[in-house]
N, C-alpha and C. Protein backbone atom coordinates (compact mmCIF):
# COMPACT_ATOMS: atom_id res chain seq x y z
N MET A 1 -27.81 -2.80 -9.27
CA MET A 1 -28.18 -3.95 -8.45
C MET A 1 -27.18 -5.09 -8.64
N PHE A 2 -26.82 -5.35 -9.92
CA PHE A 2 -25.86 -6.41 -10.22
C PHE A 2 -24.52 -6.12 -9.56
N GLN A 3 -24.07 -4.86 -9.66
CA GLN A 3 -22.78 -4.48 -9.08
C GLN A 3 -22.80 -4.65 -7.57
N ARG A 4 -23.90 -4.25 -6.94
CA ARG A 4 -24.01 -4.39 -5.49
C ARG A 4 -23.96 -5.86 -5.09
N ASP A 5 -24.69 -6.71 -5.80
CA ASP A 5 -24.69 -8.14 -5.50
C ASP A 5 -23.30 -8.74 -5.68
N TYR A 6 -22.60 -8.26 -6.72
CA TYR A 6 -21.24 -8.75 -6.98
C TYR A 6 -20.32 -8.39 -5.82
N PHE A 7 -20.37 -7.13 -5.39
CA PHE A 7 -19.53 -6.69 -4.27
C PHE A 7 -19.84 -7.49 -3.01
N LEU A 8 -21.12 -7.75 -2.76
CA LEU A 8 -21.50 -8.52 -1.58
C LEU A 8 -20.93 -9.94 -1.64
N ARG A 9 -20.94 -10.53 -2.85
CA ARG A 9 -20.37 -11.87 -3.02
C ARG A 9 -18.87 -11.86 -2.76
N VAL A 10 -18.19 -10.82 -3.27
CA VAL A 10 -16.75 -10.70 -3.07
C VAL A 10 -16.43 -10.59 -1.59
N ILE A 11 -17.18 -9.74 -0.89
CA ILE A 11 -16.96 -9.56 0.55
C ILE A 11 -17.20 -10.85 1.30
N GLU A 12 -18.28 -11.53 0.95
CA GLU A 12 -18.61 -12.79 1.62
C GLU A 12 -17.54 -13.85 1.39
N GLN A 13 -17.07 -13.95 0.14
CA GLN A 13 -16.03 -14.93 -0.18
C GLN A 13 -14.75 -14.66 0.60
N MET A 14 -14.31 -13.40 0.61
CA MET A 14 -13.07 -13.06 1.29
C MET A 14 -13.21 -13.22 2.80
N THR A 15 -14.38 -12.90 3.33
CA THR A 15 -14.61 -13.09 4.77
C THR A 15 -14.50 -14.57 5.12
N ASP A 16 -15.09 -15.42 4.29
CA ASP A 16 -15.02 -16.87 4.53
C ASP A 16 -13.58 -17.38 4.44
N ILE A 17 -12.85 -16.89 3.43
CA ILE A 17 -11.48 -17.35 3.22
C ILE A 17 -10.57 -16.92 4.37
N VAL A 18 -10.69 -15.66 4.76
CA VAL A 18 -9.87 -15.17 5.87
C VAL A 18 -10.23 -15.91 7.16
N GLY A 19 -11.51 -16.18 7.34
CA GLY A 19 -11.93 -16.96 8.50
C GLY A 19 -11.31 -18.34 8.50
N GLN A 20 -11.26 -18.96 7.32
CA GLN A 20 -10.64 -20.29 7.20
C GLN A 20 -9.16 -20.24 7.54
N ILE A 21 -8.48 -19.21 7.04
CA ILE A 21 -7.05 -19.05 7.31
C ILE A 21 -6.80 -18.83 8.80
N MET A 22 -7.63 -17.98 9.41
CA MET A 22 -7.48 -17.69 10.84
C MET A 22 -7.71 -18.95 11.68
N GLN A 23 -8.66 -19.77 11.26
CA GLN A 23 -8.92 -21.01 11.99
C GLN A 23 -7.72 -21.96 11.89
N LEU A 24 -7.13 -22.06 10.71
CA LEU A 24 -5.94 -22.90 10.53
C LEU A 24 -4.78 -22.37 11.37
N LYS A 25 -4.66 -21.05 11.47
CA LYS A 25 -3.61 -20.47 12.31
C LYS A 25 -3.82 -20.85 13.77
N ARG A 26 -5.07 -20.77 14.22
CA ARG A 26 -5.36 -21.14 15.61
C ARG A 26 -5.03 -22.60 15.89
N GLU A 27 -5.19 -23.43 14.86
CA GLU A 27 -4.89 -24.86 14.99
C GLU A 27 -3.42 -25.16 14.73
N MET A 28 -2.63 -24.07 14.54
CA MET A 28 -1.20 -24.18 14.26
C MET A 28 -0.92 -24.94 12.97
N LYS A 29 -1.83 -24.82 12.02
CA LYS A 29 -1.66 -25.46 10.72
C LYS A 29 -1.26 -24.41 9.68
N HIS A 30 -0.11 -23.80 9.92
CA HIS A 30 0.33 -22.68 9.08
C HIS A 30 0.62 -23.11 7.64
N GLN A 31 1.22 -24.27 7.47
CA GLN A 31 1.52 -24.74 6.11
C GLN A 31 0.24 -24.98 5.32
N GLU A 32 -0.77 -25.55 6.00
CA GLU A 32 -2.05 -25.77 5.33
C GLU A 32 -2.69 -24.44 4.93
N ALA A 33 -2.55 -23.44 5.79
CA ALA A 33 -3.08 -22.11 5.48
C ALA A 33 -2.37 -21.51 4.27
N LEU A 34 -1.06 -21.70 4.19
CA LEU A 34 -0.30 -21.20 3.04
C LEU A 34 -0.74 -21.88 1.75
N ILE A 35 -1.08 -23.16 1.84
CA ILE A 35 -1.56 -23.89 0.66
C ILE A 35 -2.92 -23.34 0.21
N VAL A 36 -3.79 -23.02 1.17
CA VAL A 36 -5.10 -22.43 0.85
C VAL A 36 -4.90 -21.13 0.07
N ILE A 37 -4.00 -20.28 0.55
CA ILE A 37 -3.73 -19.00 -0.12
C ILE A 37 -3.16 -19.24 -1.51
N ASP A 38 -2.21 -20.18 -1.60
CA ASP A 38 -1.56 -20.48 -2.88
C ASP A 38 -2.59 -20.95 -3.91
N GLU A 39 -3.46 -21.84 -3.49
CA GLU A 39 -4.47 -22.36 -4.41
C GLU A 39 -5.44 -21.27 -4.84
N LEU A 40 -5.79 -20.40 -3.92
CA LEU A 40 -6.72 -19.32 -4.25
C LEU A 40 -6.10 -18.35 -5.25
N LEU A 41 -4.83 -18.00 -5.02
CA LEU A 41 -4.15 -17.10 -5.96
C LEU A 41 -4.06 -17.72 -7.35
N ASP A 42 -3.91 -19.04 -7.39
CA ASP A 42 -3.81 -19.73 -8.68
C ASP A 42 -5.15 -19.78 -9.43
N LYS A 43 -6.26 -19.84 -8.68
CA LYS A 43 -7.55 -20.13 -9.31
C LYS A 43 -8.45 -18.91 -9.51
N LYS A 44 -8.36 -17.91 -8.65
CA LYS A 44 -9.40 -16.89 -8.61
C LYS A 44 -9.19 -15.71 -9.56
N PHE A 45 -7.94 -15.38 -9.86
CA PHE A 45 -7.68 -14.10 -10.50
C PHE A 45 -7.22 -14.18 -11.96
N GLY A 46 -7.26 -15.35 -12.54
CA GLY A 46 -6.89 -15.49 -13.94
C GLY A 46 -5.39 -15.43 -14.17
N LEU A 47 -4.62 -15.43 -13.09
CA LEU A 47 -3.16 -15.44 -13.15
C LEU A 47 -2.66 -16.49 -12.17
N SER A 48 -1.48 -17.00 -12.42
CA SER A 48 -0.91 -17.94 -11.46
C SER A 48 -0.41 -17.19 -10.24
N GLY A 49 -0.39 -17.88 -9.11
CA GLY A 49 0.13 -17.27 -7.90
C GLY A 49 1.57 -16.84 -8.08
N LYS A 50 2.34 -17.64 -8.82
CA LYS A 50 3.75 -17.31 -9.07
C LYS A 50 3.87 -16.00 -9.83
N LEU A 51 3.00 -15.80 -10.82
CA LEU A 51 3.04 -14.56 -11.61
C LEU A 51 2.60 -13.37 -10.76
N ILE A 52 1.56 -13.56 -9.97
CA ILE A 52 1.07 -12.48 -9.10
C ILE A 52 2.17 -12.01 -8.17
N ARG A 53 2.93 -12.96 -7.63
CA ARG A 53 4.00 -12.61 -6.68
C ARG A 53 5.19 -11.97 -7.37
N SER A 54 5.40 -12.30 -8.65
CA SER A 54 6.59 -11.80 -9.34
C SER A 54 6.38 -10.43 -9.99
N LEU A 55 5.13 -10.10 -10.33
CA LEU A 55 4.86 -8.81 -10.96
C LEU A 55 5.01 -7.68 -9.95
N SER A 56 5.52 -6.55 -10.41
CA SER A 56 5.55 -5.37 -9.56
C SER A 56 4.12 -4.90 -9.33
N ASP A 57 3.93 -4.05 -8.32
CA ASP A 57 2.57 -3.57 -8.05
C ASP A 57 2.02 -2.80 -9.25
N LYS A 58 2.88 -2.01 -9.91
CA LYS A 58 2.42 -1.27 -11.09
C LYS A 58 2.00 -2.22 -12.20
N ASP A 59 2.83 -3.24 -12.44
CA ASP A 59 2.52 -4.19 -13.51
C ASP A 59 1.26 -4.99 -13.20
N LEU A 60 1.08 -5.37 -11.93
CA LEU A 60 -0.10 -6.14 -11.55
C LEU A 60 -1.36 -5.30 -11.78
N ILE A 61 -1.30 -4.03 -11.40
CA ILE A 61 -2.45 -3.16 -11.63
C ILE A 61 -2.70 -3.00 -13.12
N GLY A 62 -1.60 -2.92 -13.90
CA GLY A 62 -1.74 -2.81 -15.35
C GLY A 62 -2.42 -4.03 -15.95
N VAL A 63 -2.03 -5.20 -15.48
CA VAL A 63 -2.63 -6.45 -15.97
C VAL A 63 -4.11 -6.51 -15.60
N MET A 64 -4.44 -5.97 -14.43
CA MET A 64 -5.81 -6.02 -13.95
C MET A 64 -6.57 -4.73 -14.27
N THR A 65 -6.27 -4.16 -15.40
CA THR A 65 -6.98 -2.99 -15.89
C THR A 65 -7.56 -3.30 -17.26
N THR A 66 -8.85 -3.12 -17.41
CA THR A 66 -9.54 -3.41 -18.67
C THR A 66 -10.26 -2.15 -19.15
N ASN A 67 -9.91 -1.72 -20.35
CA ASN A 67 -10.51 -0.50 -20.92
C ASN A 67 -10.41 0.69 -19.97
N GLY A 68 -9.27 0.78 -19.30
CA GLY A 68 -9.03 1.90 -18.41
C GLY A 68 -9.64 1.76 -17.02
N VAL A 69 -10.34 0.65 -16.78
CA VAL A 69 -10.98 0.43 -15.47
C VAL A 69 -10.16 -0.59 -14.68
N VAL A 70 -9.69 -0.18 -13.50
CA VAL A 70 -8.88 -1.06 -12.66
C VAL A 70 -9.80 -1.98 -11.85
N GLU A 71 -9.48 -3.26 -11.83
CA GLU A 71 -10.26 -4.23 -11.06
C GLU A 71 -9.84 -4.13 -9.59
N THR A 72 -10.26 -3.05 -8.94
CA THR A 72 -9.79 -2.76 -7.59
C THR A 72 -10.22 -3.81 -6.57
N ASP A 73 -11.37 -4.43 -6.77
CA ASP A 73 -11.82 -5.44 -5.82
C ASP A 73 -10.89 -6.64 -5.83
N ASN A 74 -10.46 -7.06 -7.03
CA ASN A 74 -9.53 -8.18 -7.12
C ASN A 74 -8.17 -7.82 -6.52
N ILE A 75 -7.73 -6.60 -6.75
CA ILE A 75 -6.44 -6.17 -6.20
C ILE A 75 -6.51 -6.10 -4.68
N GLN A 76 -7.64 -5.63 -4.16
CA GLN A 76 -7.83 -5.64 -2.70
C GLN A 76 -7.74 -7.06 -2.16
N ALA A 77 -8.39 -7.98 -2.84
CA ALA A 77 -8.38 -9.38 -2.39
C ALA A 77 -6.96 -9.93 -2.39
N ILE A 78 -6.19 -9.62 -3.44
CA ILE A 78 -4.80 -10.08 -3.51
C ILE A 78 -3.98 -9.47 -2.38
N ALA A 79 -4.17 -8.17 -2.14
CA ALA A 79 -3.42 -7.50 -1.08
C ALA A 79 -3.73 -8.12 0.29
N ILE A 80 -5.00 -8.47 0.50
CA ILE A 80 -5.39 -9.12 1.77
C ILE A 80 -4.73 -10.48 1.90
N LEU A 81 -4.70 -11.24 0.82
CA LEU A 81 -4.11 -12.57 0.87
C LEU A 81 -2.60 -12.49 1.09
N LEU A 82 -1.95 -11.52 0.47
CA LEU A 82 -0.50 -11.35 0.67
C LEU A 82 -0.21 -10.94 2.12
N LYS A 83 -1.08 -10.13 2.69
CA LYS A 83 -0.90 -9.75 4.09
C LYS A 83 -1.07 -10.97 4.99
N GLN A 84 -2.08 -11.80 4.71
CA GLN A 84 -2.27 -13.02 5.48
C GLN A 84 -1.05 -13.94 5.35
N GLU A 85 -0.53 -14.01 4.14
CA GLU A 85 0.65 -14.84 3.89
C GLU A 85 1.84 -14.32 4.71
N ALA A 86 1.99 -12.99 4.75
CA ALA A 86 3.08 -12.38 5.52
C ALA A 86 2.97 -12.74 6.99
N GLU A 87 1.75 -12.69 7.53
CA GLU A 87 1.54 -13.00 8.94
C GLU A 87 1.86 -14.47 9.24
N LEU A 88 1.53 -15.34 8.29
CA LEU A 88 1.84 -16.76 8.47
C LEU A 88 3.35 -16.99 8.49
N PHE A 89 4.06 -16.37 7.54
CA PHE A 89 5.51 -16.50 7.51
C PHE A 89 6.15 -15.91 8.77
N ASP A 90 5.54 -14.82 9.26
CA ASP A 90 6.03 -14.20 10.49
C ASP A 90 5.91 -15.19 11.65
N ASP A 91 4.76 -15.85 11.75
CA ASP A 91 4.56 -16.84 12.81
C ASP A 91 5.55 -18.01 12.69
N LEU A 92 5.92 -18.33 11.45
CA LEU A 92 6.84 -19.45 11.22
C LEU A 92 8.30 -19.04 11.40
N GLY A 93 8.54 -17.77 11.67
CA GLY A 93 9.91 -17.29 11.88
C GLY A 93 10.68 -17.02 10.61
N ASN A 94 9.98 -16.97 9.47
CA ASN A 94 10.63 -16.68 8.20
C ASN A 94 10.53 -15.18 7.94
N GLU A 95 11.46 -14.42 8.51
CA GLU A 95 11.37 -12.95 8.47
C GLU A 95 11.51 -12.40 7.06
N ASP A 96 12.39 -12.99 6.26
CA ASP A 96 12.59 -12.49 4.90
C ASP A 96 11.32 -12.61 4.07
N ALA A 97 10.70 -13.79 4.11
CA ALA A 97 9.46 -14.00 3.34
C ALA A 97 8.35 -13.12 3.88
N SER A 98 8.28 -12.98 5.19
CA SER A 98 7.25 -12.14 5.81
C SER A 98 7.42 -10.69 5.37
N PHE A 99 8.64 -10.18 5.43
CA PHE A 99 8.91 -8.79 5.05
C PHE A 99 8.54 -8.55 3.58
N TYR A 100 8.91 -9.48 2.72
CA TYR A 100 8.62 -9.35 1.29
C TYR A 100 7.12 -9.27 1.04
N HIS A 101 6.35 -10.14 1.68
CA HIS A 101 4.91 -10.16 1.45
C HIS A 101 4.21 -8.96 2.08
N TYR A 102 4.71 -8.52 3.24
CA TYR A 102 4.17 -7.29 3.83
C TYR A 102 4.38 -6.11 2.87
N LEU A 103 5.57 -6.03 2.29
CA LEU A 103 5.85 -4.94 1.35
C LEU A 103 4.93 -4.99 0.14
N ARG A 104 4.74 -6.18 -0.43
CA ARG A 104 3.87 -6.32 -1.59
C ARG A 104 2.45 -5.87 -1.26
N SER A 105 1.97 -6.30 -0.10
CA SER A 105 0.63 -5.92 0.33
C SER A 105 0.55 -4.42 0.55
N LEU A 106 1.56 -3.85 1.21
CA LEU A 106 1.60 -2.41 1.46
C LEU A 106 1.55 -1.62 0.16
N HIS A 107 2.36 -2.01 -0.80
CA HIS A 107 2.38 -1.31 -2.09
C HIS A 107 1.00 -1.32 -2.74
N LEU A 108 0.36 -2.47 -2.72
CA LEU A 108 -0.96 -2.57 -3.36
C LEU A 108 -1.99 -1.72 -2.64
N PHE A 109 -1.97 -1.73 -1.32
CA PHE A 109 -2.93 -0.92 -0.58
C PHE A 109 -2.69 0.58 -0.81
N MET A 110 -1.42 0.99 -0.86
CA MET A 110 -1.13 2.40 -1.13
C MET A 110 -1.58 2.78 -2.54
N ARG A 111 -1.33 1.91 -3.50
CA ARG A 111 -1.77 2.18 -4.88
C ARG A 111 -3.30 2.30 -4.94
N LEU A 112 -3.98 1.39 -4.28
CA LEU A 112 -5.45 1.44 -4.26
C LEU A 112 -5.95 2.74 -3.63
N SER A 113 -5.31 3.14 -2.54
CA SER A 113 -5.70 4.37 -1.88
C SER A 113 -5.49 5.57 -2.79
N LEU A 114 -4.36 5.60 -3.49
CA LEU A 114 -4.08 6.71 -4.41
C LEU A 114 -5.06 6.73 -5.59
N LEU A 115 -5.55 5.54 -5.96
CA LEU A 115 -6.54 5.46 -7.04
C LEU A 115 -7.94 5.85 -6.58
N GLY A 116 -8.09 6.03 -5.26
CA GLY A 116 -9.42 6.34 -4.73
C GLY A 116 -10.35 5.15 -4.79
N ALA A 117 -9.78 3.94 -4.68
CA ALA A 117 -10.60 2.73 -4.79
C ALA A 117 -11.59 2.64 -3.64
N PRO A 118 -12.83 2.27 -3.92
CA PRO A 118 -13.82 2.12 -2.85
C PRO A 118 -13.43 0.97 -1.94
N PRO A 119 -13.74 1.08 -0.65
CA PRO A 119 -13.40 0.02 0.30
C PRO A 119 -14.34 -1.17 0.18
N THR A 120 -14.23 -1.86 -0.94
CA THR A 120 -15.12 -3.00 -1.20
C THR A 120 -15.02 -4.05 -0.10
N ILE A 121 -13.79 -4.40 0.26
CA ILE A 121 -13.57 -5.46 1.25
C ILE A 121 -13.00 -4.85 2.53
N VAL A 122 -11.95 -4.05 2.38
CA VAL A 122 -11.35 -3.34 3.50
C VAL A 122 -11.08 -1.90 3.05
N ASN A 123 -10.67 -1.05 3.98
CA ASN A 123 -10.30 0.32 3.63
C ASN A 123 -8.82 0.36 3.29
N PRO A 124 -8.47 0.58 2.01
CA PRO A 124 -7.05 0.54 1.62
C PRO A 124 -6.17 1.50 2.39
N ALA A 125 -6.66 2.71 2.67
CA ALA A 125 -5.85 3.69 3.40
C ALA A 125 -5.56 3.22 4.82
N LEU A 126 -6.55 2.67 5.48
CA LEU A 126 -6.35 2.17 6.84
C LEU A 126 -5.38 0.98 6.85
N GLU A 127 -5.52 0.11 5.86
CA GLU A 127 -4.62 -1.03 5.76
C GLU A 127 -3.19 -0.58 5.52
N ALA A 128 -3.02 0.41 4.64
CA ALA A 128 -1.68 0.94 4.36
C ALA A 128 -1.06 1.53 5.61
N GLY A 129 -1.85 2.30 6.35
CA GLY A 129 -1.35 2.89 7.59
C GLY A 129 -0.94 1.84 8.61
N GLU A 130 -1.75 0.79 8.71
CA GLU A 130 -1.44 -0.29 9.65
C GLU A 130 -0.15 -1.01 9.27
N LEU A 131 0.02 -1.26 7.98
CA LEU A 131 1.22 -1.97 7.52
C LEU A 131 2.46 -1.11 7.68
N LEU A 132 2.35 0.17 7.44
CA LEU A 132 3.50 1.07 7.65
C LEU A 132 3.92 1.05 9.11
N GLU A 133 2.95 1.03 10.00
CA GLU A 133 3.27 0.97 11.43
C GLU A 133 3.94 -0.35 11.77
N ARG A 134 3.45 -1.42 11.18
CA ARG A 134 4.02 -2.74 11.46
C ARG A 134 5.46 -2.83 10.95
N LEU A 135 5.73 -2.15 9.84
CA LEU A 135 7.07 -2.20 9.24
C LEU A 135 7.99 -1.10 9.74
N ARG A 136 7.54 -0.33 10.72
CA ARG A 136 8.33 0.79 11.23
C ARG A 136 9.74 0.37 11.68
N PRO A 137 9.92 -0.80 12.32
CA PRO A 137 11.27 -1.17 12.78
C PRO A 137 12.25 -1.46 11.65
N PHE A 138 11.76 -1.61 10.43
CA PHE A 138 12.61 -2.02 9.31
C PHE A 138 12.96 -0.83 8.41
N GLU A 139 14.11 -0.94 7.76
CA GLU A 139 14.49 0.04 6.74
C GLU A 139 13.79 -0.34 5.44
N LEU A 140 12.96 0.55 4.95
CA LEU A 140 12.19 0.25 3.74
C LEU A 140 13.00 0.56 2.50
N PRO A 141 12.77 -0.20 1.42
CA PRO A 141 13.47 0.08 0.17
C PRO A 141 13.13 1.48 -0.36
N ALA A 142 14.01 2.01 -1.19
CA ALA A 142 13.81 3.35 -1.73
C ALA A 142 12.50 3.46 -2.50
N GLU A 143 12.16 2.43 -3.29
CA GLU A 143 10.94 2.50 -4.08
C GLU A 143 9.70 2.54 -3.18
N THR A 144 9.78 1.86 -2.04
CA THR A 144 8.67 1.89 -1.09
C THR A 144 8.55 3.28 -0.47
N LYS A 145 9.68 3.88 -0.12
CA LYS A 145 9.67 5.22 0.45
C LYS A 145 9.11 6.25 -0.54
N GLN A 146 9.45 6.09 -1.81
CA GLN A 146 8.92 7.01 -2.82
C GLN A 146 7.40 6.92 -2.91
N LEU A 147 6.90 5.69 -2.92
CA LEU A 147 5.45 5.49 -2.95
C LEU A 147 4.83 5.97 -1.64
N GLN A 148 5.52 5.74 -0.53
CA GLN A 148 5.03 6.18 0.77
C GLN A 148 4.89 7.70 0.81
N ALA A 149 5.88 8.43 0.29
CA ALA A 149 5.81 9.89 0.27
C ALA A 149 4.61 10.36 -0.56
N GLU A 150 4.41 9.70 -1.71
CA GLU A 150 3.28 10.04 -2.57
C GLU A 150 1.96 9.76 -1.86
N TRP A 151 1.92 8.62 -1.15
CA TRP A 151 0.69 8.25 -0.44
C TRP A 151 0.38 9.22 0.69
N HIS A 152 1.40 9.55 1.50
CA HIS A 152 1.19 10.51 2.59
C HIS A 152 0.67 11.84 2.04
N GLU A 153 1.25 12.28 0.95
CA GLU A 153 0.79 13.54 0.36
C GLU A 153 -0.66 13.42 -0.09
N GLY A 154 -0.99 12.30 -0.73
CA GLY A 154 -2.36 12.09 -1.18
C GLY A 154 -3.36 12.03 -0.04
N GLU A 155 -2.90 11.56 1.12
CA GLU A 155 -3.76 11.46 2.30
C GLU A 155 -3.81 12.77 3.09
N GLY A 156 -3.07 13.78 2.62
CA GLY A 156 -3.03 15.05 3.33
C GLY A 156 -2.14 15.04 4.55
N GLN A 157 -1.29 14.03 4.66
CA GLN A 157 -0.35 13.91 5.78
C GLN A 157 0.97 14.55 5.35
N PHE A 158 0.94 15.85 5.21
CA PHE A 158 2.05 16.56 4.57
C PHE A 158 3.34 16.49 5.37
N ASP A 159 3.25 16.56 6.69
CA ASP A 159 4.46 16.50 7.50
C ASP A 159 5.15 15.15 7.36
N GLN A 160 4.36 14.07 7.29
CA GLN A 160 4.96 12.74 7.13
C GLN A 160 5.55 12.57 5.73
N ALA A 161 4.87 13.13 4.74
CA ALA A 161 5.41 13.09 3.37
C ALA A 161 6.75 13.81 3.32
N GLU A 162 6.82 14.96 4.00
CA GLU A 162 8.06 15.74 4.02
C GLU A 162 9.19 14.95 4.66
N ASN A 163 8.91 14.27 5.77
CA ASN A 163 9.94 13.48 6.45
C ASN A 163 10.53 12.41 5.52
N VAL A 164 9.67 11.70 4.82
CA VAL A 164 10.13 10.65 3.91
C VAL A 164 10.89 11.27 2.74
N LEU A 165 10.40 12.40 2.25
CA LEU A 165 11.05 13.07 1.13
C LEU A 165 12.47 13.50 1.50
N HIS A 166 12.64 14.00 2.71
CA HIS A 166 13.97 14.40 3.16
C HIS A 166 14.93 13.22 3.20
N GLU A 167 14.43 12.07 3.65
CA GLU A 167 15.26 10.86 3.66
C GLU A 167 15.72 10.52 2.24
N LEU A 168 14.79 10.57 1.31
CA LEU A 168 15.10 10.24 -0.08
C LEU A 168 16.10 11.24 -0.67
N LEU A 169 15.93 12.49 -0.33
CA LEU A 169 16.82 13.53 -0.83
C LEU A 169 18.23 13.35 -0.26
N GLU A 170 18.30 13.10 1.04
CA GLU A 170 19.60 12.91 1.69
C GLU A 170 20.33 11.68 1.17
N ASP A 171 19.56 10.65 0.82
CA ASP A 171 20.16 9.41 0.30
C ASP A 171 20.47 9.50 -1.19
N GLY A 172 20.14 10.62 -1.81
CA GLY A 172 20.41 10.78 -3.23
C GLY A 172 19.50 9.98 -4.14
N VAL A 173 18.34 9.57 -3.61
CA VAL A 173 17.41 8.76 -4.40
C VAL A 173 16.61 9.63 -5.38
N ILE A 174 16.27 10.83 -4.93
CA ILE A 174 15.49 11.74 -5.78
C ILE A 174 16.30 13.01 -6.05
N PRO A 175 16.07 13.66 -7.18
CA PRO A 175 16.77 14.90 -7.48
C PRO A 175 16.17 16.07 -6.70
N LEU A 176 16.92 17.14 -6.60
CA LEU A 176 16.47 18.34 -5.91
C LEU A 176 15.16 18.85 -6.49
N GLU A 177 15.02 18.75 -7.81
CA GLU A 177 13.83 19.27 -8.49
C GLU A 177 12.55 18.60 -8.00
N GLU A 178 12.65 17.32 -7.64
CA GLU A 178 11.46 16.61 -7.16
C GLU A 178 11.02 17.16 -5.80
N ALA A 179 11.98 17.45 -4.93
CA ALA A 179 11.66 18.02 -3.63
C ALA A 179 11.09 19.43 -3.79
N VAL A 180 11.66 20.20 -4.71
CA VAL A 180 11.15 21.55 -4.97
C VAL A 180 9.71 21.48 -5.46
N GLY A 181 9.43 20.51 -6.33
CA GLY A 181 8.07 20.34 -6.84
C GLY A 181 7.10 19.99 -5.75
N PHE A 182 7.55 19.20 -4.77
CA PHE A 182 6.71 18.84 -3.63
C PHE A 182 6.27 20.09 -2.87
N TYR A 183 7.22 20.95 -2.54
CA TYR A 183 6.88 22.16 -1.77
C TYR A 183 6.00 23.11 -2.58
N ARG A 184 6.26 23.21 -3.87
CA ARG A 184 5.43 24.09 -4.69
C ARG A 184 4.00 23.57 -4.80
N ARG A 185 3.84 22.25 -4.85
CA ARG A 185 2.48 21.67 -4.87
C ARG A 185 1.75 21.98 -3.57
N LEU A 186 2.46 21.82 -2.46
CA LEU A 186 1.81 22.05 -1.17
C LEU A 186 1.40 23.51 -1.00
N LEU A 187 2.19 24.41 -1.54
CA LEU A 187 1.87 25.83 -1.40
C LEU A 187 0.58 26.22 -2.15
N LEU A 188 0.10 25.32 -3.00
CA LEU A 188 -1.17 25.57 -3.69
C LEU A 188 -2.37 25.29 -2.80
N HIS A 189 -2.14 24.59 -1.68
CA HIS A 189 -3.23 24.29 -0.75
C HIS A 189 -3.55 25.50 0.11
N ASP A 190 -4.77 25.53 0.63
CA ASP A 190 -5.13 26.62 1.54
C ASP A 190 -4.50 26.38 2.91
N ASP A 191 -4.46 27.44 3.71
CA ASP A 191 -3.79 27.37 5.02
C ASP A 191 -4.40 26.32 5.94
N GLU A 192 -5.71 26.17 5.89
CA GLU A 192 -6.38 25.20 6.76
C GLU A 192 -5.92 23.78 6.44
N SER A 193 -5.84 23.46 5.15
CA SER A 193 -5.40 22.12 4.74
C SER A 193 -3.96 21.87 5.15
N LEU A 194 -3.13 22.89 5.01
CA LEU A 194 -1.73 22.75 5.38
C LEU A 194 -1.58 22.51 6.88
N GLU A 195 -2.28 23.29 7.66
CA GLU A 195 -2.20 23.13 9.11
C GLU A 195 -2.71 21.76 9.53
N LYS A 196 -3.77 21.31 8.88
CA LYS A 196 -4.31 19.98 9.18
C LYS A 196 -3.30 18.90 8.83
N GLY A 197 -2.52 19.17 7.80
CA GLY A 197 -1.50 18.21 7.36
C GLY A 197 -0.20 18.32 8.14
N GLY A 198 -0.15 19.21 9.12
CA GLY A 198 1.01 19.27 10.00
C GLY A 198 2.08 20.26 9.60
N LEU A 199 1.81 21.12 8.60
CA LEU A 199 2.79 22.11 8.17
C LEU A 199 2.11 23.46 8.00
N SER A 200 2.88 24.51 8.20
CA SER A 200 2.36 25.86 7.97
C SER A 200 2.93 26.40 6.66
N ARG A 201 2.28 27.41 6.12
CA ARG A 201 2.77 28.03 4.89
C ARG A 201 4.17 28.61 5.10
N GLU A 202 4.41 29.18 6.27
CA GLU A 202 5.72 29.77 6.56
C GLU A 202 6.81 28.69 6.55
N GLU A 203 6.51 27.54 7.13
CA GLU A 203 7.48 26.44 7.13
C GLU A 203 7.78 25.97 5.71
N LEU A 204 6.75 25.87 4.91
CA LEU A 204 6.94 25.43 3.52
C LEU A 204 7.78 26.42 2.74
N GLU A 205 7.48 27.69 2.89
CA GLU A 205 8.24 28.71 2.17
C GLU A 205 9.70 28.73 2.60
N GLN A 206 9.92 28.55 3.90
CA GLN A 206 11.29 28.51 4.41
C GLN A 206 12.05 27.31 3.85
N SER A 207 11.42 26.14 3.87
CA SER A 207 12.06 24.92 3.35
C SER A 207 12.34 25.05 1.86
N LEU A 208 11.40 25.61 1.13
CA LEU A 208 11.59 25.78 -0.32
C LEU A 208 12.75 26.74 -0.58
N ASN A 209 12.81 27.84 0.15
CA ASN A 209 13.90 28.81 -0.05
C ASN A 209 15.25 28.19 0.27
N GLU A 210 15.29 27.33 1.29
CA GLU A 210 16.54 26.66 1.64
C GLU A 210 16.99 25.74 0.51
N LEU A 211 16.05 25.02 -0.08
CA LEU A 211 16.38 24.14 -1.20
C LEU A 211 16.89 24.93 -2.39
N LEU A 212 16.30 26.10 -2.59
CA LEU A 212 16.68 26.93 -3.74
C LEU A 212 17.90 27.80 -3.45
N GLY A 213 18.42 27.71 -2.21
CA GLY A 213 19.61 28.47 -1.86
C GLY A 213 19.37 29.93 -1.64
N LYS A 214 18.14 30.28 -1.25
CA LYS A 214 17.82 31.70 -1.05
C LYS A 214 18.04 32.10 0.41
């Protein structure tokens, strides 16, 4: 009962905050909206907004893990605020800041999805998919592509994971062994799962043999 009430409070708070930000956007008060986000990041999560923005997604999740339990609701809230911040910078024409915050939000949502985090506030997988689509026109950093490949695989989107993996392999970001491991993992799935994920067993075996020089 306590946990349910807590989740409801978190949802209500974030709904109110996002509503406030959206209202400021409609009033063209983007700087005021950025201040609201900044103050919230400073006060709500036990870390300064500056530290939250500077930590990598892995480190932020590490900081927000207590006795092996990840505070996924807080991370969801941070990811939502970073996404809102990105949209504000986008409206202001600051593409660099917008891109950076979109990436931070994307990383957190993909991490949450891979952790199997419950959709306390939003659905992390849906948010990750939406952000990837929004960032489609841009060249993503190698670390983002690596996480993206892992996320696609975790979501059962095997054909999309393969596409990203090939990019990484061609760019020399990952070793051949990592790509081989990917195909061997997929071959452990049943045919139905593979077909649903956009690949057939025959395609996987052919790709694996090509990598191995057979």
